[in-house]
Amino acid sequence: MNGSLYPYERHVASFLIALFFFLGLISSDTGKKTVEREMISVQVVGAVRSQVVRVPKGSTVDEVLALLDDLDQADFQEIDGMKRLIEDSIIVVPYRDRLTLFIRGAVLEERVVVVERGAQAEEILQHVEPLEDADLQRFLRRKTFINGSIVDIFQRKRSAIRGRKRGKDTYNRCKVTSPSP
């Protein structure tokens, strides 16, 4: 015996190559995480066909609008296209040369209202059916509305509905939010 491992060297080399290959497969499977983007629902209303669109979380308004058809009547100058969207966002796409609002809250049915630019609250109110406890006093005090915005009509506080007063102001505020929350 001359101490040479020659007869076994090929087996050892083959074994080591197979071992490194197997370890490489294991480390590549566990090292890479599968990236699945969470999907969110976004409602699009206004100068487009009203619809709910599923998009990856973190998508922008422009990315959603790129998925839509029939944008001929839309006014894109009024839209913040770089705004990132979250679950249940609402995008109000305004019409050209018209005031486009999405009215929600203390109304019988949420809806898009399209009126002439510069319309007052009384004219906008003609297009919705407010609930009995809607805080119309605050809404009617509004002087301007932002095109492509979401307008919330709040309910009066319960004490105001019952006729009791708690302090000076018994009504909730009417709030206008941006096109997408």
C-alpha atoms as a PDB file:
ATOM      1  CA  MET A   1       0.000   0.000   0.000  1.00  0.00           C
ATOM      2  CA  ASN A   2       1.602   3.191  -1.090  1.00  0.00           C
ATOM      3  CA  GLY A   3      -0.845   5.548   0.745  1.00  0.00           C
ATOM      4  CA  SER A   4      -2.462   6.901  -2.386  1.00  0.00           C
ATOM      5  CA  LEU A   5      -6.187   7.551  -2.423  1.00  0.00           C
ATOM      6  CA  TYR A   6      -6.259   7.485  -6.198  1.00  0.00           C
ATOM      7  CA  PRO A   7      -8.849   4.724  -6.523  1.00  0.00           C
ATOM      8  CA  TYR A   8     -11.167   6.662  -4.209  1.00  0.00           C
ATOM      9  CA  GLU A   9     -10.389  10.196  -5.387  1.00  0.00           C
ATOM     10  CA  ARG A  10     -12.945  10.095  -8.180  1.00  0.00           C
ATOM     11  CA  HIS A  11     -15.655   8.961  -5.771  1.00  0.00           C
ATOM     12  CA  VAL A  12     -14.712  11.598  -3.227  1.00  0.00           C
ATOM     13  CA  ALA A  13     -14.602  14.314  -5.893  1.00  0.00           C
ATOM     14  CA  SER A  14     -17.991  13.221  -7.283  1.00  0.00           C
ATOM     15  CA  PHE A  15     -19.434  13.171  -3.779  1.00  0.00           C
ATOM     16  CA  LEU A  16     -18.097  16.656  -2.986  1.00  0.00           C
ATOM     17  CA  ILE A  17     -19.428  18.081  -6.261  1.00  0.00           C
ATOM     18  CA  ALA A  18     -22.864  16.559  -5.607  1.00  0.00           C
ATOM     19  CA  LEU A  19     -22.780  17.867  -2.023  1.00  0.00           C
ATOM     20  CA  PHE A  20     -21.932  21.438  -3.136  1.00  0.00           C
ATOM     21  CA  PHE A  21     -24.604  21.287  -5.834  1.00  0.00           C
ATOM     22  CA  PHE A  22     -27.218  20.078  -3.333  1.00  0.00           C
ATOM     23  CA  LEU A  23     -26.224  22.733  -0.768  1.00  0.00           C
ATOM     24  CA  GLY A  24     -26.423  25.360  -3.497  1.00  0.00           C
ATOM     25  CA  LEU A  25     -29.976  24.315  -4.312  1.00  0.00           C
ATOM     26  CA  ILE A  26     -31.014  24.423  -0.682  1.00  0.00           C
ATOM     27  CA  SER A  27     -29.469  27.837  -0.051  1.00  0.00           C
ATOM     28  CA  SER A  28     -30.966  29.315  -3.241  1.00  0.00           C
ATOM     29  CA  ASP A  29     -34.466  28.105  -2.272  1.00  0.00           C
ATOM     30  CA  THR A  30     -34.299  29.406   1.285  1.00  0.00           C
ATOM     31  CA  GLY A  31     -32.376  32.574   0.451  1.00  0.00           C
ATOM     32  CA  LYS A  32     -34.931  33.873  -2.020  1.00  0.00           C
ATOM     33  CA  LYS A  33     -38.252  34.969  -0.676  1.00  0.00           C
ATOM     34  CA  THR A  34     -41.163  34.902  -3.032  1.00  0.00           C
ATOM     35  CA  VAL A  35     -42.380  38.474  -3.359  1.00  0.00           C
ATOM     36  CA  GLU A  36     -46.116  38.606  -3.822  1.00  0.00           C
ATOM     37  CA  ARG A  37     -47.544  42.100  -3.816  1.00  0.00           C
ATOM     38  CA  GLU A  38     -50.658  42.525  -1.754  1.00  0.00           C
ATOM     39  CA  MET A  39     -53.635  43.581  -3.867  1.00  0.00           C
ATOM     40  CA  ILE A  40     -56.015  46.386  -2.907  1.00  0.00           C
ATOM     41  CA  SER A  41     -59.414  47.479  -4.203  1.00  0.00           C
ATOM     42  CA  VAL A  42     -59.810  51.006  -5.570  1.00  0.00           C
ATOM     43  CA  GLN A  43     -63.105  52.558  -6.663  1.00  0.00           C
ATOM     44  CA  VAL A  44     -62.997  54.814  -9.734  1.00  0.00           C
ATOM     45  CA  VAL A  45     -65.913  57.183 -10.397  1.00  0.00           C
ATOM     46  CA  GLY A  46     -66.655  60.333 -12.384  1.00  0.00           C
ATOM     47  CA  ALA A  47     -65.783  60.827 -16.034  1.00  0.00           C
ATOM     48  CA  VAL A  48     -65.223  57.077 -16.427  1.00  0.00           C
ATOM     49  CA  ARG A  49     -67.419  54.025 -16.102  1.00  0.00           C
ATOM     50  CA  SER A  50     -67.746  53.527 -12.330  1.00  0.00           C
ATOM     51  CA  GLN A  51     -65.877  50.411 -11.329  1.00  0.00           C
ATOM     52  CA  VAL A  52     -63.733  48.754  -8.686  1.00  0.00           C
ATOM     53  CA  VAL A  53     -60.193  47.960  -9.808  1.00  0.00           C
ATOM     54  CA  ARG A  54     -57.783  45.552  -8.092  1.00  0.00           C
ATOM     55  CA  VAL A  55     -54.198  46.822  -8.140  1.00  0.00           C
ATOM     56  CA  PRO A  56     -50.999  46.092  -6.195  1.00  0.00           C
ATOM     57  CA  LYS A  57     -50.668  47.900  -2.885  1.00  0.00           C
ATOM     58  CA  GLY A  58     -48.738  51.146  -3.306  1.00  0.00           C
ATOM     59  CA  SER A  59     -49.967  51.788  -6.849  1.00  0.00           C
ATOM     60  CA  THR A  60     -50.461  55.396  -7.919  1.00  0.00           C
ATOM     61  CA  VAL A  61     -53.529  57.118  -9.362  1.00  0.00           C
ATOM     62  CA  ASP A  62     -51.790  57.306 -12.764  1.00  0.00           C
ATOM     63  CA  GLU A  63     -51.210  53.543 -12.751  1.00  0.00           C
ATOM     64  CA  VAL A  64     -54.905  52.914 -12.116  1.00  0.00           C
ATOM     65  CA  LEU A  65     -55.992  55.385 -14.797  1.00  0.00           C
ATOM     66  CA  ALA A  66     -53.692  53.649 -17.290  1.00  0.00           C
ATOM     67  CA  LEU A  67     -55.824  50.498 -16.855  1.00  0.00           C
ATOM     68  CA  LEU A  68     -59.066  52.269 -17.793  1.00  0.00           C
ATOM     69  CA  ASP A  69     -60.765  52.887 -21.113  1.00  0.00           C
ATOM     70  CA  ASP A  70     -63.061  55.708 -22.177  1.00  0.00           C
ATOM     71  CA  LEU A  71     -61.180  58.654 -20.694  1.00  0.00           C
ATOM     72  CA  ASP A  72     -62.236  61.066 -23.459  1.00  0.00           C
ATOM     73  CA  GLN A  73     -64.214  63.376 -21.157  1.00  0.00           C
ATOM     74  CA  ALA A  74     -61.736  63.329 -18.252  1.00  0.00           C
ATOM     75  CA  ASP A  75     -59.839  66.393 -17.007  1.00  0.00           C
ATOM     76  CA  PHE A  76     -56.423  65.072 -15.951  1.00  0.00           C
ATOM     77  CA  GLN A  77     -55.073  68.464 -14.878  1.00  0.00           C
ATOM     78  CA  GLU A  78     -57.195  68.256 -11.730  1.00  0.00           C
ATOM     79  CA  ILE A  79     -55.825  64.840 -10.681  1.00  0.00           C
ATOM     80  CA  ASP A  80     -52.780  64.188  -8.497  1.00  0.00           C
ATOM     81  CA  GLY A  81     -51.486  61.215 -10.466  1.00  0.00           C
ATOM     82  CA  MET A  82     -48.523  60.508  -8.191  1.00  0.00           C
ATOM     83  CA  LYS A  83     -50.651  59.942  -5.097  1.00  0.00           C
ATOM     84  CA  ARG A  84     -50.182  56.459  -3.609  1.00  0.00           C
ATOM     85  CA  LEU A  85     -53.359  54.494  -3.013  1.00  0.00           C
ATOM     86  CA  ILE A  86     -54.473  52.475  -0.020  1.00  0.00           C
ATOM     87  CA  GLU A  87     -57.255  49.904   0.393  1.00  0.00           C
ATOM     88  CA  ASP A  88     -60.727  51.235  -0.485  1.00  0.00           C
ATOM     89  CA  SER A  89     -59.426  54.475  -1.999  1.00  0.00           C
ATOM     90  CA  ILE A  90     -61.821  56.404  -4.213  1.00  0.00           C
ATOM     91  CA  ILE A  91     -60.555  58.164  -7.309  1.00  0.00           C
ATOM     92  CA  VAL A  92     -62.886  60.887  -8.576  1.00  0.00           C
ATOM     93  CA  VAL A  93     -62.063  61.609 -12.221  1.00  0.00           C
ATOM     94  CA  PRO A  94     -63.471  65.076 -13.015  1.00  0.00           C
ATOM     95  CA  TYR A  95     -65.234  65.952 -16.257  1.00  0.00           C
ATOM     96  CA  ARG A  96     -63.780  68.692 -18.449  1.00  0.00           C
ATOM     97  CA  ASP A  97     -65.338  72.104 -17.761  1.00  0.00           C
ATOM     98  CA  ARG A  98     -67.648  70.706 -15.066  1.00  0.00           C
ATOM     99  CA  LEU A  99     -67.499  70.425 -11.276  1.00  0.00           C
ATOM    100  CA  THR A 100     -67.376  66.732 -10.376  1.00  0.00           C
ATOM    101  CA  LEU A 101     -67.877  65.657  -6.747  1.00  0.00           C
ATOM    102  CA  PHE A 102     -68.414  62.345  -4.994  1.00  0.00           C
ATOM    103  CA  ILE A 103     -71.002  62.887  -2.241  1.00  0.00           C
ATOM    104  CA  ARG A 104     -71.153  60.395   0.621  1.00  0.00           C
ATOM    105  CA  GLY A 105     -72.083  60.213   4.281  1.00  0.00           C
ATOM    106  CA  ALA A 106     -75.541  61.156   5.556  1.00  0.00           C
ATOM    107  CA  VAL A 107     -77.195  60.647   2.172  1.00  0.00           C
ATOM    108  CA  LEU A 108     -79.542  57.935   0.954  1.00  0.00           C
ATOM    109  CA  GLU A 109     -77.118  56.901  -1.800  1.00  0.00           C
ATOM    110  CA  GLU A 110     -73.477  57.807  -2.390  1.00  0.00           C
ATOM    111  CA  ARG A 111     -73.178  59.320  -5.836  1.00  0.00           C
ATOM    112  CA  VAL A 112     -71.207  61.383  -8.288  1.00  0.00           C
ATOM    113  CA  VAL A 113     -72.641  64.866  -8.778  1.00  0.00           C
ATOM    114  CA  VAL A 114     -71.714  66.790 -11.925  1.00  0.00           C
ATOM    115  CA  VAL A 115     -72.705  70.468 -12.028  1.00  0.00           C
ATOM    116  CA  GLU A 116     -71.474  73.710 -13.597  1.00  0.00           C
ATOM    117  CA  ARG A 117     -68.216  75.079 -12.193  1.00  0.00           C
ATOM    118  CA  GLY A 118     -68.875  77.575  -9.434  1.00  0.00           C
ATOM    119  CA  ALA A 119     -72.096  75.866  -8.335  1.00  0.00           C
ATOM    120  CA  GLN A 120     -73.264  76.634  -4.811  1.00  0.00           C
ATOM    121  CA  ALA A 121     -74.118  74.102  -2.118  1.00  0.00           C
ATOM    122  CA  GLU A 122     -77.867  74.482  -2.719  1.00  0.00           C
ATOM    123  CA  GLU A 123     -77.523  73.346  -6.337  1.00  0.00           C
ATOM    124  CA  ILE A 124     -75.316  70.393  -5.374  1.00  0.00           C
ATOM    125  CA  LEU A 125     -77.809  69.388  -2.694  1.00  0.00           C
ATOM    126  CA  GLN A 126     -80.551  69.092  -5.344  1.00  0.00           C
ATOM    127  CA  HIS A 127     -78.729  66.055  -6.774  1.00  0.00           C
ATOM    128  CA  VAL A 128     -78.629  64.001  -3.555  1.00  0.00           C
ATOM    129  CA  GLU A 129     -81.155  62.747  -1.042  1.00  0.00           C
ATOM    130  CA  PRO A 130     -79.900  63.671   2.443  1.00  0.00           C
ATOM    131  CA  LEU A 131     -80.914  61.564   5.416  1.00  0.00           C
ATOM    132  CA  GLU A 132     -83.202  63.028   8.056  1.00  0.00           C
ATOM    133  CA  ASP A 133     -80.323  63.602  10.475  1.00  0.00           C
ATOM    134  CA  ALA A 134     -77.903  65.090   7.906  1.00  0.00           C
ATOM    135  CA  ASP A 135     -76.047  68.205   9.025  1.00  0.00           C
ATOM    136  CA  LEU A 136     -77.205  70.404   6.144  1.00  0.00           C
ATOM    137  CA  GLN A 137     -76.577  73.694   7.927  1.00  0.00           C
ATOM    138  CA  ARG A 138     -72.815  73.210   7.786  1.00  0.00           C
ATOM    139  CA  PHE A 139     -72.963  71.869   4.238  1.00  0.00           C
ATOM    140  CA  LEU A 140     -74.968  74.863   3.010  1.00  0.00           C
ATOM    141  CA  ARG A 141     -72.395  77.256   4.509  1.00  0.00           C
ATOM    142  CA  ARG A 142     -69.715  75.965   2.150  1.00  0.00           C
ATOM    143  CA  LYS A 143     -68.746  78.571  -0.432  1.00  0.00           C
ATOM    144  CA  THR A 144     -66.450  76.524  -2.695  1.00  0.00           C
ATOM    145  CA  PHE A 145     -65.901  72.927  -3.668  1.00  0.00           C
ATOM    146  CA  ILE A 146     -62.708  71.402  -5.085  1.00  0.00           C
ATOM    147  CA  ASN A 147     -63.179  69.673  -8.419  1.00  0.00           C
ATOM    148  CA  GLY A 148     -62.621  65.922  -8.215  1.00  0.00           C
ATOM    149  CA  SER A 149     -63.035  65.785  -4.449  1.00  0.00           C
ATOM    150  CA  ILE A 150     -64.958  63.589  -2.057  1.00  0.00           C
ATOM    151  CA  VAL A 151     -67.496  65.506   0.025  1.00  0.00           C
ATOM    152  CA  ASP A 152     -68.678  63.978   3.281  1.00  0.00           C
ATOM    153  CA  ILE A 153     -72.020  65.145   4.642  1.00  0.00           C
ATOM    154  CA  PHE A 154     -71.994  64.296   8.311  1.00  0.00           C
ATOM    155  CA  GLN A 155     -74.867  63.417  10.590  1.00  0.00           C
ATOM    156  CA  ARG A 156     -75.890  65.807  13.330  1.00  0.00           C
ATOM    157  CA  LYS A 157     -74.847  64.822  16.799  1.00  0.00           C
ATOM    158  CA  ARG A 158     -77.535  62.945  18.693  1.00  0.00           C
ATOM    159  CA  SER A 159     -78.005  65.795  21.157  1.00  0.00           C
ATOM    160  CA  ALA A 160     -78.834  68.147  18.260  1.00  0.00           C
ATOM    161  CA  ILE A 161     -81.325  65.651  16.844  1.00  0.00           C
ATOM    162  CA  ARG A 162     -83.116  65.380  20.196  1.00  0.00           C
ATOM    163  CA  GLY A 163     -83.167  69.155  20.576  1.00  0.00           C
ATOM    164  CA  ARG A 164     -80.809  69.325  23.560  1.00  0.00           C
ATOM    165  CA  LYS A 165     -77.767  71.540  23.337  1.00  0.00           C
ATOM    166  CA  ARG A 166     -74.372  70.681  24.720  1.00  0.00           C
ATOM    167  CA  GLY A 167     -72.324  73.803  24.534  1.00  0.00           C
ATOM    168  CA  LYS A 168     -72.166  76.235  21.668  1.00  0.00           C
ATOM    169  CA  ASP A 169     -71.688  73.919  18.664  1.00  0.00           C
ATOM    170  CA  THR A 170     -73.965  70.891  18.406  1.00  0.00           C
ATOM    171  CA  TYR A 171     -73.060  69.871  14.851  1.00  0.00           C
ATOM    172  CA  ASN A 172     -70.264  67.851  13.316  1.00  0.00           C
ATOM    173  CA  ARG A 173     -68.141  69.528  10.687  1.00  0.00           C
ATOM    174  CA  CYS A 174     -68.618  68.924   6.970  1.00  0.00           C
ATOM    175  CA  LYS A 175     -65.340  67.717   5.538  1.00  0.00           C
ATOM    176  CA  VAL A 176     -63.953  67.665   2.003  1.00  0.00           C
ATOM    177  CA  THR A 177     -61.173  65.192   1.328  1.00  0.00           C
ATOM    178  CA  SER A 178     -58.792  64.839  -1.570  1.00  0.00           C
ATOM    179  CA  PRO A 179     -59.643  62.653  -4.611  1.00  0.00           C
ATOM    180  CA  SER A 180     -58.109  59.584  -2.989  1.00  0.00           C
ATOM    181  CA  PRO A 181     -57.810  59.033   0.743  1.00  0.00           C
END
